[in-house]
N, C-alpha and C. Protein backbone atom coordinates (compact mmCIF):
# COMPACT_ATOMS: atom_id res chain seq x y z
N MET A 1 0.90 -1.19 -0.43
CA MET A 1 -0.17 0.05 0.11
C MET A 1 0.55 1.31 0.01
N ALA A 2 2.15 1.15 0.59
CA ALA A 2 2.66 2.38 0.83
C ALA A 2 3.42 2.80 -0.74
N ASP A 3 3.61 0.96 -1.52
CA ASP A 3 5.04 1.89 -2.33
C ASP A 3 3.38 2.03 -3.54
N ILE A 4 1.93 1.77 -3.47
CA ILE A 4 0.92 2.58 -4.65
C ILE A 4 0.83 3.73 -3.77
N ALA A 5 1.12 4.74 -2.53
CA ALA A 5 0.87 6.07 -2.39
C ALA A 5 1.86 6.61 -2.61
N ARG A 6 3.33 6.16 -2.33
CA ARG A 6 4.43 7.26 -3.06
C ARG A 6 4.55 6.77 -4.85
N GLN A 7 4.29 6.32 -5.04
CA GLN A 7 3.62 6.40 -7.01
C GLN A 7 2.65 7.31 -7.08
N GLU A 8 1.90 7.18 -6.69
CA GLU A 8 1.00 8.57 -7.05
C GLU A 8 1.51 9.35 -6.79
N GLY A 9 2.65 10.26 -5.98
CA GLY A 9 3.30 11.04 -5.18
C GLY A 9 2.95 11.73 -3.53
N PHE A 10 2.03 10.68 -2.88
CA PHE A 10 1.86 10.68 -1.82
C PHE A 10 3.28 11.40 -0.88
N ASN A 11 3.08 11.84 0.26
CA ASN A 11 4.27 12.24 1.14
C ASN A 11 4.39 11.02 2.41
N VAL A 12 5.07 9.29 2.59
CA VAL A 12 4.87 8.28 3.10
C VAL A 12 6.00 8.07 3.91
N GLU A 13 5.29 7.85 5.73
CA GLU A 13 5.91 7.37 6.67
C GLU A 13 6.04 6.53 7.35
N THR A 14 7.11 5.82 7.58
CA THR A 14 6.99 4.49 8.51
C THR A 14 7.47 4.56 9.62
N ILE A 15 6.44 4.28 10.43
CA ILE A 15 6.59 5.14 12.51
C ILE A 15 6.59 3.70 12.76
N ASP A 16 7.12 2.78 13.63
CA ASP A 16 7.31 1.48 13.99
C ASP A 16 6.51 0.54 13.11
N SER A 17 6.65 0.05 11.73
CA SER A 17 5.80 -0.28 10.65
C SER A 17 5.01 0.19 10.49
N ASN A 18 4.27 1.13 11.10
CA ASN A 18 2.73 1.72 10.80
C ASN A 18 3.11 2.44 9.16
N VAL A 19 2.62 2.64 8.49
CA VAL A 19 2.73 3.40 7.27
C VAL A 19 1.56 4.41 7.28
N PHE A 20 1.87 5.43 7.60
CA PHE A 20 1.37 6.99 7.47
C PHE A 20 1.34 7.26 5.76
N PHE A 21 0.41 8.44 5.62
CA PHE A 21 0.29 9.58 4.80
C PHE A 21 0.78 10.88 5.51
N VAL A 22 1.39 11.89 4.92
CA VAL A 22 2.05 12.48 5.70
C VAL A 22 0.87 14.00 4.92
N ILE A 23 0.71 14.62 5.55
CA ILE A 23 -0.43 15.85 5.10
C ILE A 23 -0.08 17.36 5.57
N ARG A 24 0.34 17.61 5.00
CA ARG A 24 1.09 19.30 4.78
C ARG A 24 0.11 20.23 4.55
N SER A 25 -0.66 21.31 5.98
CA SER A 25 -1.56 22.36 5.45
C SER A 25 -1.01 23.46 6.52
N PHE A 26 -1.33 24.46 6.33
CA PHE A 26 -1.25 25.46 6.91
C PHE A 26 -2.69 26.23 7.69
N SER A 27 -1.78 26.61 9.20
CA SER A 27 -2.80 26.90 9.77
C SER A 27 -3.87 28.41 9.55
N PRO A 28 -4.58 28.90 9.50
CA PRO A 28 -5.24 30.37 9.57
C PRO A 28 -4.15 31.39 10.12
N SER A 29 -2.95 31.59 10.81
CA SER A 29 -1.93 31.98 11.22
C SER A 29 -0.95 31.97 10.29
N GLY A 30 -0.73 31.25 9.27
CA GLY A 30 0.55 30.99 8.65
C GLY A 30 0.99 29.98 9.30
N GLU A 31 0.60 29.04 10.23
CA GLU A 31 1.55 28.31 11.14
C GLU A 31 1.19 26.94 9.67
N GLU A 32 2.86 26.06 9.56
CA GLU A 32 2.96 24.35 9.03
C GLU A 32 2.60 24.13 9.74
N VAL A 33 1.19 22.44 9.16
CA VAL A 33 0.72 21.80 10.10
C VAL A 33 0.89 20.35 9.36
N LEU A 34 1.32 19.68 10.21
CA LEU A 34 1.91 18.16 9.95
C LEU A 34 1.02 17.20 10.05
N SER A 35 0.01 16.86 9.42
CA SER A 35 -0.98 15.66 10.05
C SER A 35 -0.62 14.40 9.18
N LYS A 36 -0.72 13.14 10.20
CA LYS A 36 -0.38 11.76 9.97
C LYS A 36 -1.74 11.04 10.08
N VAL A 37 -1.95 10.48 9.50
CA VAL A 37 -2.80 9.56 8.59
C VAL A 37 -2.66 8.27 8.33
N ASN A 38 -2.91 7.46 8.99
CA ASN A 38 -2.09 5.58 9.22
C ASN A 38 -2.95 5.72 7.73
N ILE A 39 -2.45 4.41 6.75
CA ILE A 39 -2.69 4.08 5.40
C ILE A 39 -3.98 3.00 5.91
N THR A 40 -3.36 2.41 6.16
CA THR A 40 -3.93 1.38 6.70
C THR A 40 -5.40 1.19 7.10
N ARG A 41 -5.46 2.26 8.18
CA ARG A 41 -7.27 2.55 9.16
C ARG A 41 -7.52 2.79 7.72
N PHE A 42 -7.21 4.06 7.26
CA PHE A 42 -7.97 4.79 6.17
C PHE A 42 -8.27 3.50 4.87
N ALA A 43 -7.08 3.02 4.74
CA ALA A 43 -8.07 1.96 3.61
C ALA A 43 -9.09 1.37 4.05
N GLU A 44 -9.07 0.47 5.67
CA GLU A 44 -10.92 -0.03 5.49
C GLU A 44 -11.42 0.78 6.06
N ALA A 45 -11.53 2.04 6.15
CA ALA A 45 -12.36 2.86 6.54
C ALA A 45 -12.82 3.50 5.01
N MET A 46 -12.49 3.54 3.49
CA MET A 46 -13.00 3.38 2.71
C MET A 46 -13.49 1.80 2.53
N ALA A 47 -13.09 0.91 2.68
CA ALA A 47 -13.65 -0.18 1.94
C ALA A 47 -14.70 -0.94 2.93
N ARG A 48 -15.18 -0.33 4.40
CA ARG A 48 -16.52 -0.13 4.82
C ARG A 48 -17.48 0.39 4.75
N ALA A 49 -17.24 1.66 4.30
CA ALA A 49 -17.86 2.77 3.48
C ALA A 49 -18.61 2.58 2.25
N LEU A 50 -17.57 1.92 1.74
CA LEU A 50 -18.01 1.77 -0.08
C LEU A 50 -18.27 0.38 -0.30
N THR A 51 -18.53 -0.80 0.93
CA THR A 51 -19.62 -1.59 0.95
C THR A 51 -21.23 -1.30 0.78
């Protein structure tokens, strides 16, 4: 799953054998905010939502 995400241009990070999308955004004050979303949990939630 991480390889596919990387091929699609997503920033991906592995921490303790868990793989995360790293999402960079900015707060209203202009401060950079990095969020990490667990890819496996995201994919499982999407699969449930689509069934």
